[in-house]
Amino acid sequence: LRNWYAVYTKPQKERFVSSAFAKKGFETFCPLINTTKGKANKKAVFEPLFISCVFVYLSESDISTVTSTPGVINILYWKSKPAIIKAE
């Protein structure tokens, strides 16, 4: 049985972790928003909507594989169990 889990990443490593999960064959979700940087030229850049967080779709047995990925701090927990994010 597979579920969505939230993974806590190192700062500014969301895209790196998301691509590492994709290379391992996991489905990921890392929403990006378009923001502007700089005062004079207002350069448009894409930043993660949820800072230091990536969502991954996997079974509970694959959690150890996810937490050993470079850039991952840990999976998010709720009441001493990995927090399952509902698909809705």
PDB file of N, CA and C in Angstrom:
ATOM      1  N   LEU A   1       0.851  -1.181   0.000  1.00  0.00           N
ATOM      2  CA  LEU A   1       0.000   0.000   0.000  1.00  0.00           C
ATOM      3  C   LEU A   1       0.892   1.239   0.000  1.00  0.00           C
ATOM      4  N   ARG A   2       0.678   2.087  -0.988  1.00  0.00           N
ATOM      5  CA  ARG A   2       1.502   3.295  -1.108  1.00  0.00           C
ATOM      6  C   ARG A   2       0.713   4.518  -0.667  1.00  0.00           C
ATOM      7  N   ASN A   3       1.433   5.477  -0.068  1.00  0.00           N
ATOM      8  CA  ASN A   3       0.832   6.721   0.416  1.00  0.00           C
ATOM      9  C   ASN A   3       1.760   7.881   0.102  1.00  0.00           C
ATOM     10  N   TRP A   4       1.217   9.092   0.243  1.00  0.00           N
ATOM     11  CA  TRP A   4       2.029  10.295   0.128  1.00  0.00           C
ATOM     12  C   TRP A   4       2.627  10.613   1.487  1.00  0.00           C
ATOM     13  N   TYR A   5       3.929  10.941   1.502  1.00  0.00           N
ATOM     14  CA  TYR A   5       4.624  11.329   2.719  1.00  0.00           C
ATOM     15  C   TYR A   5       5.328  12.662   2.474  1.00  0.00           C
ATOM     16  N   ALA A   6       5.459  13.451   3.531  1.00  0.00           N
ATOM     17  CA  ALA A   6       6.196  14.711   3.458  1.00  0.00           C
ATOM     18  C   ALA A   6       7.613  14.461   3.960  1.00  0.00           C
ATOM     19  N   VAL A   7       8.591  14.924   3.188  1.00  0.00           N
ATOM     20  CA  VAL A   7       9.999  14.731   3.530  1.00  0.00           C
ATOM     21  C   VAL A   7      10.619  16.094   3.804  1.00  0.00           C
ATOM     22  N   TYR A   8      11.285  16.222   4.949  1.00  0.00           N
ATOM     23  CA  TYR A   8      11.959  17.460   5.338  1.00  0.00           C
ATOM     24  C   TYR A   8      13.369  17.440   4.750  1.00  0.00           C
ATOM     25  N   THR A   9      13.725  18.491   3.998  1.00  0.00           N
ATOM     26  CA  THR A   9      15.021  18.560   3.318  1.00  0.00           C
ATOM     27  C   THR A   9      15.900  19.657   3.909  1.00  0.00           C
ATOM     28  N   LYS A  10      17.158  19.631   3.530  1.00  0.00           N
ATOM     29  CA  LYS A  10      18.062  20.718   3.890  1.00  0.00           C
ATOM     30  C   LYS A  10      17.612  21.973   3.150  1.00  0.00           C
ATOM     31  N   PRO A  11      17.937  23.161   3.669  1.00  0.00           N
ATOM     32  CA  PRO A  11      17.501  24.406   3.006  1.00  0.00           C
ATOM     33  C   PRO A  11      17.986  24.491   1.559  1.00  0.00           C
ATOM     34  N   GLN A  12      17.084  24.870   0.682  1.00  0.00           N
ATOM     35  CA  GLN A  12      17.343  25.085  -0.747  1.00  0.00           C
ATOM     36  C   GLN A  12      17.786  23.823  -1.477  1.00  0.00           C
ATOM     37  N   LYS A  13      17.406  22.648  -0.992  1.00  0.00           N
ATOM     38  CA  LYS A  13      17.729  21.375  -1.636  1.00  0.00           C
ATOM     39  C   LYS A  13      16.480  20.652  -2.132  1.00  0.00           C
ATOM     40  N   GLU A  14      15.354  21.361  -2.198  1.00  0.00           N
ATOM     41  CA  GLU A  14      14.095  20.729  -2.571  1.00  0.00           C
ATOM     42  C   GLU A  14      14.148  20.147  -3.984  1.00  0.00           C
ATOM     43  N   ARG A  15      14.641  20.908  -4.934  1.00  0.00           N
ATOM     44  CA  ARG A  15      14.704  20.428  -6.322  1.00  0.00           C
ATOM     45  C   ARG A  15      15.682  19.266  -6.459  1.00  0.00           C
ATOM     46  N   PHE A  16      16.821  19.352  -5.776  1.00  0.00           N
ATOM     47  CA  PHE A  16      17.822  18.293  -5.819  1.00  0.00           C
ATOM     48  C   PHE A  16      17.245  16.983  -5.275  1.00  0.00           C
ATOM     49  N   VAL A  17      16.564  17.054  -4.137  1.00  0.00           N
ATOM     50  CA  VAL A  17      15.976  15.874  -3.516  1.00  0.00           C
ATOM     51  C   VAL A  17      14.863  15.313  -4.394  1.00  0.00           C
ATOM     52  N   SER A  18      14.044  16.187  -4.954  1.00  0.00           N
ATOM     53  CA  SER A  18      12.959  15.745  -5.816  1.00  0.00           C
ATOM     54  C   SER A  18      13.485  14.999  -7.041  1.00  0.00           C
ATOM     55  N   SER A  19      14.542  15.500  -7.652  1.00  0.00           N
ATOM     56  CA  SER A  19      15.115  14.815  -8.811  1.00  0.00           C
ATOM     57  C   SER A  19      15.802  13.510  -8.405  1.00  0.00           C
ATOM     58  N   ALA A  20      16.391  13.464  -7.202  1.00  0.00           N
ATOM     59  CA  ALA A  20      17.008  12.226  -6.720  1.00  0.00           C
ATOM     60  C   ALA A  20      15.937  11.151  -6.499  1.00  0.00           C
ATOM     61  N   PHE A  21      14.785  11.535  -5.969  1.00  0.00           N
ATOM     62  CA  PHE A  21      13.686  10.584  -5.796  1.00  0.00           C
ATOM     63  C   PHE A  21      13.180  10.086  -7.147  1.00  0.00           C
ATOM     64  N   ALA A  22      13.076  10.980  -8.110  1.00  0.00           N
ATOM     65  CA  ALA A  22      12.608  10.593  -9.443  1.00  0.00           C
ATOM     66  C   ALA A  22      13.574   9.594 -10.088  1.00  0.00           C
ATOM     67  N   LYS A  23      14.871   9.791  -9.884  1.00  0.00           N
ATOM     68  CA  LYS A  23      15.860   8.851 -10.419  1.00  0.00           C
ATOM     69  C   LYS A  23      15.738   7.473  -9.769  1.00  0.00           C
ATOM     70  N   LYS A  24      15.283   7.443  -8.512  1.00  0.00           N
ATOM     71  CA  LYS A  24      15.090   6.168  -7.819  1.00  0.00           C
ATOM     72  C   LYS A  24      13.754   5.525  -8.178  1.00  0.00           C
ATOM     73  N   GLY A  25      12.935   6.217  -8.956  1.00  0.00           N
ATOM     74  CA  GLY A  25      11.665   5.656  -9.406  1.00  0.00           C
ATOM     75  C   GLY A  25      10.459   6.021  -8.567  1.00  0.00           C
ATOM     76  N   PHE A  26      10.590   6.988  -7.665  1.00  0.00           N
ATOM     77  CA  PHE A  26       9.464   7.412  -6.839  1.00  0.00           C
ATOM     78  C   PHE A  26       8.759   8.601  -7.479  1.00  0.00           C
ATOM     79  N   GLU A  27       7.456   8.661  -7.298  1.00  0.00           N
ATOM     80  CA  GLU A  27       6.685   9.815  -7.758  1.00  0.00           C
ATOM     81  C   GLU A  27       6.819  10.914  -6.712  1.00  0.00           C
ATOM     82  N   THR A  28       7.139  12.137  -7.160  1.00  0.00           N
ATOM     83  CA  THR A  28       7.342  13.246  -6.232  1.00  0.00           C
ATOM     84  C   THR A  28       6.464  14.429  -6.598  1.00  0.00           C
ATOM     85  N   PHE A  29       6.319  15.343  -5.644  1.00  0.00           N
ATOM     86  CA  PHE A  29       5.577  16.573  -5.861  1.00  0.00           C
ATOM     87  C   PHE A  29       6.287  17.685  -5.110  1.00  0.00           C
ATOM     88  N   CYS A  30       6.764  18.671  -5.848  1.00  0.00           N
ATOM     89  CA  CYS A  30       7.434  19.835  -5.263  1.00  0.00           C
ATOM     90  C   CYS A  30       6.898  21.071  -5.988  1.00  0.00           C
ATOM     91  N   PRO A  31       5.795  21.654  -5.502  1.00  0.00           N
ATOM     92  CA  PRO A  31       5.201  22.792  -6.198  1.00  0.00           C
ATOM     93  C   PRO A  31       6.098  24.027  -6.155  1.00  0.00           C
ATOM     94  N   LEU A  32       6.181  24.718  -7.289  1.00  0.00           N
ATOM     95  CA  LEU A  32       7.003  25.922  -7.404  1.00  0.00           C
ATOM     96  C   LEU A  32       6.114  27.124  -7.671  1.00  0.00           C
ATOM     97  N   ILE A  33       6.542  28.293  -7.181  1.00  0.00           N
ATOM     98  CA  ILE A  33       5.836  29.537  -7.452  1.00  0.00           C
ATOM     99  C   ILE A  33       6.784  30.514  -8.131  1.00  0.00           C
ATOM    100  N   ASN A  34       6.237  31.374  -8.945  1.00  0.00           N
ATOM    101  CA  ASN A  34       7.017  32.362  -9.676  1.00  0.00           C
ATOM    102  C   ASN A  34       7.127  33.625  -8.824  1.00  0.00           C
ATOM    103  N   THR A  35       8.360  34.001  -8.470  1.00  0.00           N
ATOM    104  CA  THR A  35       8.594  35.206  -7.680  1.00  0.00           C
ATOM    105  C   THR A  35       9.620  36.075  -8.386  1.00  0.00           C
ATOM    106  N   THR A  36       9.752  37.306  -7.942  1.00  0.00           N
ATOM    107  CA  THR A  36      10.739  38.213  -8.522  1.00  0.00           C
ATOM    108  C   THR A  36      11.833  38.495  -7.507  1.00  0.00           C
ATOM    109  N   LYS A  37      13.052  38.589  -7.995  1.00  0.00           N
ATOM    110  CA  LYS A  37      14.217  38.870  -7.150  1.00  0.00           C
ATOM    111  C   LYS A  37      14.911  40.122  -7.668  1.00  0.00           C
ATOM    112  N   GLY A  38      15.519  40.854  -6.781  1.00  0.00           N
ATOM    113  CA  GLY A  38      16.271  42.043  -7.166  1.00  0.00           C
ATOM    114  C   GLY A  38      15.401  43.275  -7.207  1.00  0.00           C
ATOM    115  N   LYS A  39      16.032  44.422  -7.036  1.00  0.00           N
ATOM    116  CA  LYS A  39      15.283  45.682  -7.025  1.00  0.00           C
ATOM    117  C   LYS A  39      15.219  46.309  -8.404  1.00  0.00           C
ATOM    118  N   ALA A  40      16.327  46.330  -9.113  1.00  0.00           N
ATOM    119  CA  ALA A  40      16.384  47.052 -10.381  1.00  0.00           C
ATOM    120  C   ALA A  40      15.804  46.244 -11.536  1.00  0.00           C
ATOM    121  N   ASN A  41      16.303  45.036 -11.756  1.00  0.00           N
ATOM    122  CA  ASN A  41      15.894  44.298 -12.947  1.00  0.00           C
ATOM    123  C   ASN A  41      14.715  43.356 -12.719  1.00  0.00           C
ATOM    124  N   LYS A  42      14.312  43.124 -11.478  1.00  0.00           N
ATOM    125  CA  LYS A  42      13.150  42.281 -11.159  1.00  0.00           C
ATOM    126  C   LYS A  42      13.196  40.942 -11.892  1.00  0.00           C
ATOM    127  N   LYS A  43      14.250  40.177 -11.680  1.00  0.00           N
ATOM    128  CA  LYS A  43      14.419  38.884 -12.328  1.00  0.00           C
ATOM    129  C   LYS A  43      13.397  37.888 -11.776  1.00  0.00           C
ATOM    130  N   ALA A  44      12.695  37.188 -12.660  1.00  0.00           N
ATOM    131  CA  ALA A  44      11.698  36.199 -12.262  1.00  0.00           C
ATOM    132  C   ALA A  44      12.381  34.856 -12.016  1.00  0.00           C
ATOM    133  N   VAL A  45      12.096  34.271 -10.867  1.00  0.00           N
ATOM    134  CA  VAL A  45      12.653  32.964 -10.514  1.00  0.00           C
ATOM    135  C   VAL A  45      11.541  32.085  -9.940  1.00  0.00           C
ATOM    136  N   PHE A  46      11.743  30.779  -9.997  1.00  0.00           N
ATOM    137  CA  PHE A  46      10.800  29.824  -9.415  1.00  0.00           C
ATOM    138  C   PHE A  46      11.372  29.317  -8.098  1.00  0.00           C
ATOM    139  N   GLU A  47      10.572  29.411  -7.043  1.00  0.00           N
ATOM    140  CA  GLU A  47      10.962  28.948  -5.719  1.00  0.00           C
ATOM    141  C   GLU A  47       9.932  27.938  -5.224  1.00  0.00           C
ATOM    142  N   PRO A  48      10.356  27.022  -4.343  1.00  0.00           N
ATOM    143  CA  PRO A  48       9.400  26.047  -3.796  1.00  0.00           C
ATOM    144  C   PRO A  48       8.308  26.732  -2.971  1.00  0.00           C
ATOM    145  N   LEU A  49       7.095  26.245  -3.107  1.00  0.00           N
ATOM    146  CA  LEU A  49       5.979  26.771  -2.335  1.00  0.00           C
ATOM    147  C   LEU A  49       6.134  26.416  -0.855  1.00  0.00           C
ATOM    148  N   PHE A  50       6.555  25.177  -0.583  1.00  0.00           N
ATOM    149  CA  PHE A  50       6.795  24.723   0.788  1.00  0.00           C
ATOM    150  C   PHE A  50       8.307  24.623   0.989  1.00  0.00           C
ATOM    151  N   ILE A  51       8.855  25.512   1.796  1.00  0.00           N
ATOM    152  CA  ILE A  51      10.298  25.562   1.994  1.00  0.00           C
ATOM    153  C   ILE A  51      10.753  24.332   2.784  1.00  0.00           C
ATOM    154  N   SER A  52      11.811  23.687   2.297  1.00  0.00           N
ATOM    155  CA  SER A  52      12.414  22.496   2.906  1.00  0.00           C
ATOM    156  C   SER A  52      11.454  21.320   3.003  1.00  0.00           C
ATOM    157  N   CYS A  53      10.546  21.195   2.030  1.00  0.00           N
ATOM    158  CA  CYS A  53       9.583  20.098   2.058  1.00  0.00           C
ATOM    159  C   CYS A  53       9.321  19.581   0.645  1.00  0.00           C
ATOM    160  N   VAL A  54       9.376  18.259   0.500  1.00  0.00           N
ATOM    161  CA  VAL A  54       9.063  17.581  -0.756  1.00  0.00           C
ATOM    162  C   VAL A  54       8.101  16.450  -0.420  1.00  0.00           C
ATOM    163  N   PHE A  55       7.133  16.217  -1.283  1.00  0.00           N
ATOM    164  CA  PHE A  55       6.175  15.139  -1.074  1.00  0.00           C
ATOM    165  C   PHE A  55       6.555  13.971  -1.980  1.00  0.00           C
ATOM    166  N   VAL A  56       6.478  12.758  -1.432  1.00  0.00           N
ATOM    167  CA  VAL A  56       6.879  11.572  -2.192  1.00  0.00           C
ATOM    168  C   VAL A  56       5.837  10.470  -1.977  1.00  0.00           C
ATOM    169  N   TYR A  57       5.560   9.721  -3.053  1.00  0.00           N
ATOM    170  CA  TYR A  57       4.548   8.661  -3.056  1.00  0.00           C
ATOM    171  C   TYR A  57       5.269   7.329  -3.002  1.00  0.00           C
ATOM    172  N   LEU A  58       5.152   6.625  -1.874  1.00  0.00           N
ATOM    173  CA  LEU A  58       5.873   5.363  -1.715  1.00  0.00           C
ATOM    174  C   LEU A  58       5.222   4.495  -0.655  1.00  0.00           C
ATOM    175  N   SER A  59       5.708   3.269  -0.537  1.00  0.00           N
ATOM    176  CA  SER A  59       5.226   2.368   0.503  1.00  0.00           C
ATOM    177  C   SER A  59       6.056   2.578   1.763  1.00  0.00           C
ATOM    178  N   GLU A  60       5.531   2.116   2.883  1.00  0.00           N
ATOM    179  CA  GLU A  60       6.208   2.346   4.157  1.00  0.00           C
ATOM    180  C   GLU A  60       7.550   1.619   4.224  1.00  0.00           C
ATOM    181  N   SER A  61       7.700   0.549   3.467  1.00  0.00           N
ATOM    182  CA  SER A  61       8.975  -0.185   3.471  1.00  0.00           C
ATOM    183  C   SER A  61      10.090   0.581   2.758  1.00  0.00           C
ATOM    184  N   ASP A  62       9.737   1.561   1.925  1.00  0.00           N
ATOM    185  CA  ASP A  62      10.735   2.354   1.196  1.00  0.00           C
ATOM    186  C   ASP A  62      11.207   3.579   1.967  1.00  0.00           C
ATOM    187  N   ILE A  63      10.714   3.795   3.164  1.00  0.00           N
ATOM    188  CA  ILE A  63      11.067   4.999   3.924  1.00  0.00           C
ATOM    189  C   ILE A  63      12.556   5.047   4.237  1.00  0.00           C
ATOM    190  N   SER A  64      13.163   3.909   4.536  1.00  0.00           N
ATOM    191  CA  SER A  64      14.596   3.905   4.841  1.00  0.00           C
ATOM    192  C   SER A  64      15.423   4.313   3.625  1.00  0.00           C
ATOM    193  N   THR A  65      14.964   3.964   2.420  1.00  0.00           N
ATOM    194  CA  THR A  65      15.641   4.382   1.191  1.00  0.00           C
ATOM    195  C   THR A  65      15.556   5.893   1.028  1.00  0.00           C
ATOM    196  N   VAL A  66      14.414   6.452   1.349  1.00  0.00           N
ATOM    197  CA  VAL A  66      14.202   7.890   1.204  1.00  0.00           C
ATOM    198  C   VAL A  66      15.054   8.676   2.193  1.00  0.00           C
ATOM    199  N   THR A  67      15.107   8.226   3.436  1.00  0.00           N
ATOM    200  CA  THR A  67      15.844   8.980   4.446  1.00  0.00           C
ATOM    201  C   THR A  67      17.359   8.900   4.250  1.00  0.00           C
ATOM    202  N   SER A  68      17.835   7.928   3.484  1.00  0.00           N
ATOM    203  CA  SER A  68      19.273   7.833   3.218  1.00  0.00           C
ATOM    204  C   SER A  68      19.694   8.632   1.991  1.00  0.00           C
ATOM    205  N   THR A  69      18.761   9.305   1.325  1.00  0.00           N
ATOM    206  CA  THR A  69      19.050  10.118   0.155  1.00  0.00           C
ATOM    207  C   THR A  69      19.782  11.394   0.573  1.00  0.00           C
ATOM    208  N   PRO A  70      20.858  11.777  -0.138  1.00  0.00           N
ATOM    209  CA  PRO A  70      21.554  13.031   0.200  1.00  0.00           C
ATOM    210  C   PRO A  70      20.614  14.236   0.110  1.00  0.00           C
ATOM    211  N   GLY A  71      20.690  15.127   1.085  1.00  0.00           N
ATOM    212  CA  GLY A  71      19.853  16.319   1.126  1.00  0.00           C
ATOM    213  C   GLY A  71      18.611  16.156   1.980  1.00  0.00           C
ATOM    214  N   VAL A  72      18.287  14.921   2.371  1.00  0.00           N
ATOM    215  CA  VAL A  72      17.108  14.660   3.197  1.00  0.00           C
ATOM    216  C   VAL A  72      17.500  14.705   4.664  1.00  0.00           C
ATOM    217  N   ILE A  73      16.725  15.426   5.460  1.00  0.00           N
ATOM    218  CA  ILE A  73      16.940  15.445   6.899  1.00  0.00           C
ATOM    219  C   ILE A  73      16.168  14.294   7.545  1.00  0.00           C
ATOM    220  N   ASN A  74      14.860  14.231   7.281  1.00  0.00           N
ATOM    221  CA  ASN A  74      14.040  13.152   7.812  1.00  0.00           C
ATOM    222  C   ASN A  74      12.659  13.229   7.188  1.00  0.00           C
ATOM    223  N   ILE A  75      11.889  12.195   7.382  1.00  0.00           N
ATOM    224  CA  ILE A  75      10.494  12.209   6.972  1.00  0.00           C
ATOM    225  C   ILE A  75       9.700  12.852   8.115  1.00  0.00           C
ATOM    226  N   LEU A  76       8.623  13.539   7.805  1.00  0.00           N
ATOM    227  CA  LEU A  76       7.829  14.188   8.848  1.00  0.00           C
ATOM    228  C   LEU A  76       6.984  13.153   9.589  1.00  0.00           C
ATOM    229  N   TYR A  77       6.919  13.286  10.912  1.00  0.00           N
ATOM    230  CA  TYR A  77       6.202  12.341  11.756  1.00  0.00           C
ATOM    231  C   TYR A  77       5.018  13.013  12.437  1.00  0.00           C
ATOM    232  N   TRP A  78       4.007  12.194  12.730  1.00  0.00           N
ATOM    233  CA  TRP A  78       2.846  12.622  13.499  1.00  0.00           C
ATOM    234  C   TRP A  78       2.542  11.500  14.488  1.00  0.00           C
ATOM    235  N   LYS A  79       2.609  11.805  15.770  1.00  0.00           N
ATOM    236  CA  LYS A  79       2.367  10.838  16.838  1.00  0.00           C
ATOM    237  C   LYS A  79       3.249   9.602  16.702  1.00  0.00           C
ATOM    238  N   SER A  80       4.537   9.819  16.514  1.00  0.00           N
ATOM    239  CA  SER A  80       5.562   8.772  16.435  1.00  0.00           C
ATOM    240  C   SER A  80       5.444   7.851  15.227  1.00  0.00           C
ATOM    241  N   LYS A  81       4.660   8.239  14.217  1.00  0.00           N
ATOM    242  CA  LYS A  81       4.535   7.468  12.984  1.00  0.00           C
ATOM    243  C   LYS A  81       4.761   8.417  11.812  1.00  0.00           C
ATOM    244  N   PRO A  82       5.265   7.911  10.685  1.00  0.00           N
ATOM    245  CA  PRO A  82       5.401   8.774   9.509  1.00  0.00           C
ATOM    246  C   PRO A  82       4.037   9.368   9.127  1.00  0.00           C
ATOM    247  N   ALA A  83       4.021  10.676   8.918  1.00  0.00           N
ATOM    248  CA  ALA A  83       2.763  11.373   8.610  1.00  0.00           C
ATOM    249  C   ALA A  83       2.318  11.049   7.196  1.00  0.00           C
ATOM    250  N   ILE A  84       1.127  10.488   7.060  1.00  0.00           N
ATOM    251  CA  ILE A  84       0.557  10.157   5.753  1.00  0.00           C
ATOM    252  C   ILE A  84      -0.271  11.355   5.285  1.00  0.00           C
ATOM    253  N   ILE A  85       0.016  11.808   4.060  1.00  0.00           N
ATOM    254  CA  ILE A  85      -0.727  12.924   3.469  1.00  0.00           C
ATOM    255  C   ILE A  85      -1.822  12.331   2.587  1.00  0.00           C
ATOM    256  N   LYS A  86      -3.044  12.710   2.831  1.00  0.00           N
ATOM    257  CA  LYS A  86      -4.152  12.183   2.032  1.00  0.00           C
ATOM    258  C   LYS A  86      -4.077  12.716   0.602  1.00  0.00           C
ATOM    259  N   ALA A  87      -4.443  11.891  -0.360  1.00  0.00           N
ATOM    260  CA  ALA A  87      -4.364  12.255  -1.770  1.00  0.00           C
ATOM    261  C   ALA A  87      -5.327  13.390  -2.139  1.00  0.00           C
ATOM    262  N   GLU A  88      -6.397  13.541  -1.414  1.00  0.00           N
ATOM    263  CA  GLU A  88      -7.362  14.586  -1.702  1.00  0.00           C
ATOM    264  C   GLU A  88      -6.750  15.931  -1.470  1.00  0.00           C
TER     265      GLU A  88
END
